[in-house]
């Protein structure tokens, strides 16, 4: 979605309605997943649920 927004050709960029629809879908999925996780698990999910390589150098 971000790459489409950055497209130099304005005809290939999404409209506000398309952006709204996509963001709404993501939000609904997020809420659904969050509800399912909290209703079945008593533990709190950590936002860092991925592994990092001990010898890797991470920058931002």
PDB file of N, CA and C in Angstrom:
ATOM      1  N   UNK A   1       0.830  -1.181   0.000  1.00  0.00           N
ATOM      2  CA  UNK A   1       0.000   0.000   0.000  1.00  0.00           C
ATOM      3  C   UNK A   1       0.880   1.253   0.000  1.00  0.00           C
ATOM      4  N   UNK A   2       1.928   1.248   0.793  1.00  0.00           N
ATOM      5  CA  UNK A   2       2.808   2.420   0.851  1.00  0.00           C
ATOM      6  C   UNK A   2       3.465   2.673  -0.501  1.00  0.00           C
ATOM      7  N   UNK A   3       3.893   1.601  -1.147  1.00  0.00           N
ATOM      8  CA  UNK A   3       4.533   1.760  -2.448  1.00  0.00           C
ATOM      9  C   UNK A   3       3.555   2.364  -3.457  1.00  0.00           C
ATOM     10  N   UNK A   4       2.298   1.973  -3.387  1.00  0.00           N
ATOM     11  CA  UNK A   4       1.296   2.559  -4.280  1.00  0.00           C
ATOM     12  C   UNK A   4       1.119   4.041  -3.983  1.00  0.00           C
ATOM     13  N   UNK A   5       1.156   4.418  -2.722  1.00  0.00           N
ATOM     14  CA  UNK A   5       1.008   5.839  -2.357  1.00  0.00           C
ATOM     15  C   UNK A   5       2.179   6.675  -2.858  1.00  0.00           C
ATOM     16  N   UNK A   6       3.342   6.068  -2.939  1.00  0.00           N
ATOM     17  CA  UNK A   6       4.548   6.779  -3.372  1.00  0.00           C
ATOM     18  C   UNK A   6       4.720   6.817  -4.884  1.00  0.00           C
ATOM     19  N   UNK A   7       3.858   6.160  -5.615  1.00  0.00           N
ATOM     20  CA  UNK A   7       4.016   6.079  -7.069  1.00  0.00           C
ATOM     21  C   UNK A   7       4.031   7.481  -7.673  1.00  0.00           C
ATOM     22  N   UNK A   8       4.975   7.718  -8.566  1.00  0.00           N
ATOM     23  CA  UNK A   8       5.109   9.037  -9.198  1.00  0.00           C
ATOM     24  C   UNK A   8       3.918   9.355 -10.101  1.00  0.00           C
ATOM     25  N   UNK A   9       3.283   8.325 -10.627  1.00  0.00           N
ATOM     26  CA  UNK A   9       2.116   8.528 -11.491  1.00  0.00           C
ATOM     27  C   UNK A   9       0.867   8.622 -10.622  1.00  0.00           C
ATOM     28  N   UNK A  10       0.244   9.764 -10.627  1.00  0.00           N
ATOM     29  CA  UNK A  10      -0.912   9.957  -9.751  1.00  0.00           C
ATOM     30  C   UNK A  10      -2.072   9.025 -10.083  1.00  0.00           C
ATOM     31  N   UNK A  11      -2.138   8.551 -11.302  1.00  0.00           N
ATOM     32  CA  UNK A  11      -3.221   7.631 -11.670  1.00  0.00           C
ATOM     33  C   UNK A  11      -3.038   6.252 -11.039  1.00  0.00           C
ATOM     34  N   UNK A  12      -1.831   5.936 -10.600  1.00  0.00           N
ATOM     35  CA  UNK A  12      -1.566   4.645  -9.958  1.00  0.00           C
ATOM     36  C   UNK A  12      -1.644   4.718  -8.431  1.00  0.00           C
ATOM     37  N   UNK A  13      -1.771   5.921  -7.898  1.00  0.00           N
ATOM     38  CA  UNK A  13      -1.911   6.070  -6.448  1.00  0.00           C
ATOM     39  C   UNK A  13      -3.337   5.767  -6.032  1.00  0.00           C
ATOM     40  N   UNK A  14      -3.527   5.180  -4.842  1.00  0.00           N
ATOM     41  CA  UNK A  14      -4.892   4.870  -4.399  1.00  0.00           C
ATOM     42  C   UNK A  14      -5.661   6.131  -4.037  1.00  0.00           C
ATOM     43  N   UNK A  15      -6.955   6.047  -4.183  1.00  0.00           N
ATOM     44  CA  UNK A  15      -7.817   7.152  -3.780  1.00  0.00           C
ATOM     45  C   UNK A  15      -7.992   7.100  -2.264  1.00  0.00           C
ATOM     46  N   UNK A  16      -8.557   8.158  -1.700  1.00  0.00           N
ATOM     47  CA  UNK A  16      -8.807   8.180  -0.267  1.00  0.00           C
ATOM     48  C   UNK A  16      -9.773   7.055   0.119  1.00  0.00           C
ATOM     49  N   UNK A  17     -10.756   6.822  -0.728  1.00  0.00           N
ATOM     50  CA  UNK A  17     -11.727   5.758  -0.446  1.00  0.00           C
ATOM     51  C   UNK A  17     -11.037   4.392  -0.411  1.00  0.00           C
ATOM     52  N   UNK A  18     -10.123   4.131  -1.343  1.00  0.00           N
ATOM     53  CA  UNK A  18      -9.382   2.864  -1.352  1.00  0.00           C
ATOM     54  C   UNK A  18      -8.526   2.731  -0.090  1.00  0.00           C
ATOM     55  N   UNK A  19      -7.847   3.825   0.288  1.00  0.00           N
ATOM     56  CA  UNK A  19      -7.040   3.808   1.505  1.00  0.00           C
ATOM     57  C   UNK A  19      -7.897   3.524   2.729  1.00  0.00           C
ATOM     58  N   UNK A  20      -9.021   4.207   2.820  1.00  0.00           N
ATOM     59  CA  UNK A  20      -9.927   4.028   3.947  1.00  0.00           C
ATOM     60  C   UNK A  20     -10.397   2.575   4.029  1.00  0.00           C
ATOM     61  N   UNK A  21     -10.789   2.013   2.900  1.00  0.00           N
ATOM     62  CA  UNK A  21     -11.271   0.631   2.870  1.00  0.00           C
ATOM     63  C   UNK A  21     -10.194  -0.340   3.324  1.00  0.00           C
ATOM     64  N   UNK A  22      -8.976  -0.177   2.820  1.00  0.00           N
ATOM     65  CA  UNK A  22      -7.884  -1.074   3.201  1.00  0.00           C
ATOM     66  C   UNK A  22      -7.530  -0.934   4.676  1.00  0.00           C
ATOM     67  N   UNK A  23      -7.439   0.285   5.158  1.00  0.00           N
ATOM     68  CA  UNK A  23      -7.103   0.505   6.566  1.00  0.00           C
ATOM     69  C   UNK A  23      -8.200  -0.052   7.465  1.00  0.00           C
ATOM     70  N   UNK A  24      -9.455   0.117   7.059  1.00  0.00           N
ATOM     71  CA  UNK A  24     -10.572  -0.420   7.827  1.00  0.00           C
ATOM     72  C   UNK A  24     -10.482  -1.945   7.900  1.00  0.00           C
ATOM     73  N   UNK A  25     -10.134  -2.597   6.782  1.00  0.00           N
ATOM     74  CA  UNK A  25      -9.976  -4.059   6.772  1.00  0.00           C
ATOM     75  C   UNK A  25      -8.873  -4.497   7.733  1.00  0.00           C
ATOM     76  N   UNK A  26      -7.735  -3.810   7.684  1.00  0.00           N
ATOM     77  CA  UNK A  26      -6.625  -4.143   8.593  1.00  0.00           C
ATOM     78  C   UNK A  26      -7.044  -3.967  10.048  1.00  0.00           C
ATOM     79  N   UNK A  27      -7.747  -2.894  10.326  1.00  0.00           N
ATOM     80  CA  UNK A  27      -8.189  -2.628  11.689  1.00  0.00           C
ATOM     81  C   UNK A  27      -9.149  -3.718  12.166  1.00  0.00           C
ATOM     82  N   UNK A  28     -10.079  -4.117  11.328  1.00  0.00           N
ATOM     83  CA  UNK A  28     -11.024  -5.168  11.695  1.00  0.00           C
ATOM     84  C   UNK A  28     -10.288  -6.481  11.980  1.00  0.00           C
ATOM     85  N   UNK A  29      -9.322  -6.835  11.124  1.00  0.00           N
ATOM     86  CA  UNK A  29      -8.544  -8.063  11.355  1.00  0.00           C
ATOM     87  C   UNK A  29      -7.746  -7.967  12.634  1.00  0.00           C
ATOM     88  N   UNK A  30      -7.165  -6.800  12.893  1.00  0.00           N
ATOM     89  CA  UNK A  30      -6.373  -6.603  14.109  1.00  0.00           C
ATOM     90  C   UNK A  30      -7.250  -6.771  15.340  1.00  0.00           C
ATOM     91  N   UNK A  31      -8.415  -6.138  15.325  1.00  0.00           N
ATOM     92  CA  UNK A  31      -9.322  -6.246  16.463  1.00  0.00           C
ATOM     93  C   UNK A  31      -9.780  -7.684  16.662  1.00  0.00           C
ATOM     94  N   UNK A  32     -10.074  -8.372  15.569  1.00  0.00           N
ATOM     95  CA  UNK A  32     -10.525  -9.764  15.653  1.00  0.00           C
ATOM     96  C   UNK A  32      -9.421 -10.640  16.240  1.00  0.00           C
ATOM     97  N   UNK A  33      -8.206 -10.487  15.747  1.00  0.00           N
ATOM     98  CA  UNK A  33      -7.075 -11.272  16.258  1.00  0.00           C
ATOM     99  C   UNK A  33      -6.793 -10.938  17.711  1.00  0.00           C
ATOM    100  N   UNK A  34      -6.871  -9.672  18.059  1.00  0.00           N
ATOM    101  CA  UNK A  34      -6.622  -9.255  19.437  1.00  0.00           C
ATOM    102  C   UNK A  34      -7.675  -9.849  20.360  1.00  0.00           C
ATOM    103  N   UNK A  35      -8.934  -9.837  19.921  1.00  0.00           N
ATOM    104  CA  UNK A  35     -10.025 -10.396  20.725  1.00  0.00           C
ATOM    105  C   UNK A  35      -9.829 -11.897  20.901  1.00  0.00           C
ATOM    106  N   UNK A  36      -9.475 -12.603  19.823  1.00  0.00           N
ATOM    107  CA  UNK A  36      -9.276 -14.052  19.904  1.00  0.00           C
ATOM    108  C   UNK A  36      -8.106 -14.387  20.812  1.00  0.00           C
ATOM    109  N   UNK A  37      -7.043 -13.613  20.740  1.00  0.00           N
ATOM    110  CA  UNK A  37      -5.869 -13.882  21.578  1.00  0.00           C
ATOM    111  C   UNK A  37      -6.165 -13.629  23.049  1.00  0.00           C
ATOM    112  N   UNK A  38      -6.874 -12.569  23.351  1.00  0.00           N
ATOM    113  CA  UNK A  38      -7.143 -12.260  24.748  1.00  0.00           C
ATOM    114  C   UNK A  38      -8.220 -13.160  25.333  1.00  0.00           C
ATOM    115  N   UNK A  39      -9.124 -13.659  24.509  1.00  0.00           N
ATOM    116  CA  UNK A  39     -10.183 -14.514  25.043  1.00  0.00           C
ATOM    117  C   UNK A  39      -9.706 -15.940  25.268  1.00  0.00           C
ATOM    118  N   UNK A  40      -8.656 -16.386  24.553  1.00  0.00           N
ATOM    119  CA  UNK A  40      -8.183 -17.763  24.707  1.00  0.00           C
ATOM    120  C   UNK A  40      -6.917 -17.858  25.546  1.00  0.00           C
ATOM    121  N   UNK A  41      -6.157 -16.785  25.628  1.00  0.00           N
ATOM    122  CA  UNK A  41      -4.900 -16.802  26.374  1.00  0.00           C
ATOM    123  C   UNK A  41      -5.001 -15.905  27.596  1.00  0.00           C
ATOM    124  N   UNK A  42      -4.354 -16.336  28.652  1.00  0.00           N
ATOM    125  CA  UNK A  42      -4.311 -15.477  29.830  1.00  0.00           C
ATOM    126  C   UNK A  42      -3.002 -14.707  29.881  1.00  0.00           C
ATOM    127  N   UNK A  43      -2.053 -15.045  29.026  1.00  0.00           N
ATOM    128  CA  UNK A  43      -0.778 -14.333  28.995  1.00  0.00           C
ATOM    129  C   UNK A  43      -0.874 -13.154  28.042  1.00  0.00           C
ATOM    130  N   UNK A  44      -0.063 -12.167  28.291  1.00  0.00           N
ATOM    131  CA  UNK A  44      -0.031 -10.987  27.435  1.00  0.00           C
ATOM    132  C   UNK A  44       0.937 -11.235  26.293  1.00  0.00           C
ATOM    133  N   UNK A  45       0.496 -10.934  25.077  1.00  0.00           N
ATOM    134  CA  UNK A  45       1.358 -11.107  23.908  1.00  0.00           C
ATOM    135  C   UNK A  45       2.397  -9.997  23.885  1.00  0.00           C
ATOM    136  N   UNK A  46       3.608 -10.349  23.565  1.00  0.00           N
ATOM    137  CA  UNK A  46       4.679  -9.363  23.461  1.00  0.00           C
ATOM    138  C   UNK A  46       4.721  -8.815  22.046  1.00  0.00           C
ATOM    139  N   UNK A  47       4.965  -7.526  21.862  1.00  0.00           N
ATOM    140  CA  UNK A  47       5.010  -6.987  20.515  1.00  0.00           C
ATOM    141  C   UNK A  47       6.227  -7.460  19.730  1.00  0.00           C
ATOM    142  N   UNK A  48       7.240  -7.953  20.405  1.00  0.00           N
ATOM    143  CA  UNK A  48       8.434  -8.450  19.721  1.00  0.00           C
ATOM    144  C   UNK A  48       8.350  -9.968  19.611  1.00  0.00           C
ATOM    145  N   UNK A  49       7.454 -10.453  18.775  1.00  0.00           N
ATOM    146  CA  UNK A  49       7.265 -11.881  18.648  1.00  0.00           C
ATOM    147  C   UNK A  49       8.082 -12.458  17.489  1.00  0.00           C
ATOM    148  N   UNK A  50       9.257 -11.919  17.277  1.00  0.00           N
ATOM    149  CA  UNK A  50      10.142 -12.418  16.248  1.00  0.00           C
ATOM    150  C   UNK A  50      11.533 -12.593  16.845  1.00  0.00           C
ATOM    151  N   UNK A  51      12.339 -13.413  16.192  1.00  0.00           N
ATOM    152  CA  UNK A  51      13.697 -13.643  16.679  1.00  0.00           C
ATOM    153  C   UNK A  51      14.667 -12.722  15.951  1.00  0.00           C
ATOM    154  N   UNK A  52      15.655 -12.268  16.681  1.00  0.00           N
ATOM    155  CA  UNK A  52      16.718 -11.469  16.074  1.00  0.00           C
ATOM    156  C   UNK A  52      17.991 -12.293  16.063  1.00  0.00           C
ATOM    157  N   UNK A  53      18.843 -11.997  15.135  1.00  0.00           N
ATOM    158  CA  UNK A  53      20.117 -12.705  15.033  1.00  0.00           C
ATOM    159  C   UNK A  53      21.111 -12.027  15.959  1.00  0.00           C
ATOM    160  N   UNK A  54      21.811 -12.799  16.815  1.00  0.00           N
ATOM    161  CA  UNK A  54      22.698 -12.188  17.789  1.00  0.00           C
ATOM    162  C   UNK A  54      23.876 -11.423  17.183  1.00  0.00           C
ATOM    163  N   UNK A  55      24.268 -11.753  15.951  1.00  0.00           N
ATOM    164  CA  UNK A  55      25.407 -11.066  15.330  1.00  0.00           C
ATOM    165  C   UNK A  55      24.976  -9.999  14.337  1.00  0.00           C
ATOM    166  N   UNK A  56      23.686  -9.766  14.210  1.00  0.00           N
ATOM    167  CA  UNK A  56      23.181  -8.771  13.263  1.00  0.00           C
ATOM    168  C   UNK A  56      23.260  -7.377  13.865  1.00  0.00           C
ATOM    169  N   UNK A  57      23.410  -6.394  13.010  1.00  0.00           N
ATOM    170  CA  UNK A  57      23.429  -5.003  13.430  1.00  0.00           C
ATOM    171  C   UNK A  57      22.147  -4.366  12.900  1.00  0.00           C
ATOM    172  N   UNK A  58      21.306  -3.889  13.812  1.00  0.00           N
ATOM    173  CA  UNK A  58      20.031  -3.299  13.427  1.00  0.00           C
ATOM    174  C   UNK A  58      20.105  -1.787  13.580  1.00  0.00           C
ATOM    175  N   UNK A  59      19.695  -1.094  12.528  1.00  0.00           N
ATOM    176  CA  UNK A  59      19.668   0.373  12.576  1.00  0.00           C
ATOM    177  C   UNK A  59      18.309   0.851  12.094  1.00  0.00           C
ATOM    178  N   UNK A  60      18.005   2.068  12.393  1.00  0.00           N
ATOM    179  CA  UNK A  60      16.755   2.636  11.905  1.00  0.00           C
ATOM    180  C   UNK A  60      17.014   3.960  11.250  1.00  0.00           C
TER     181      UNK A  60
END
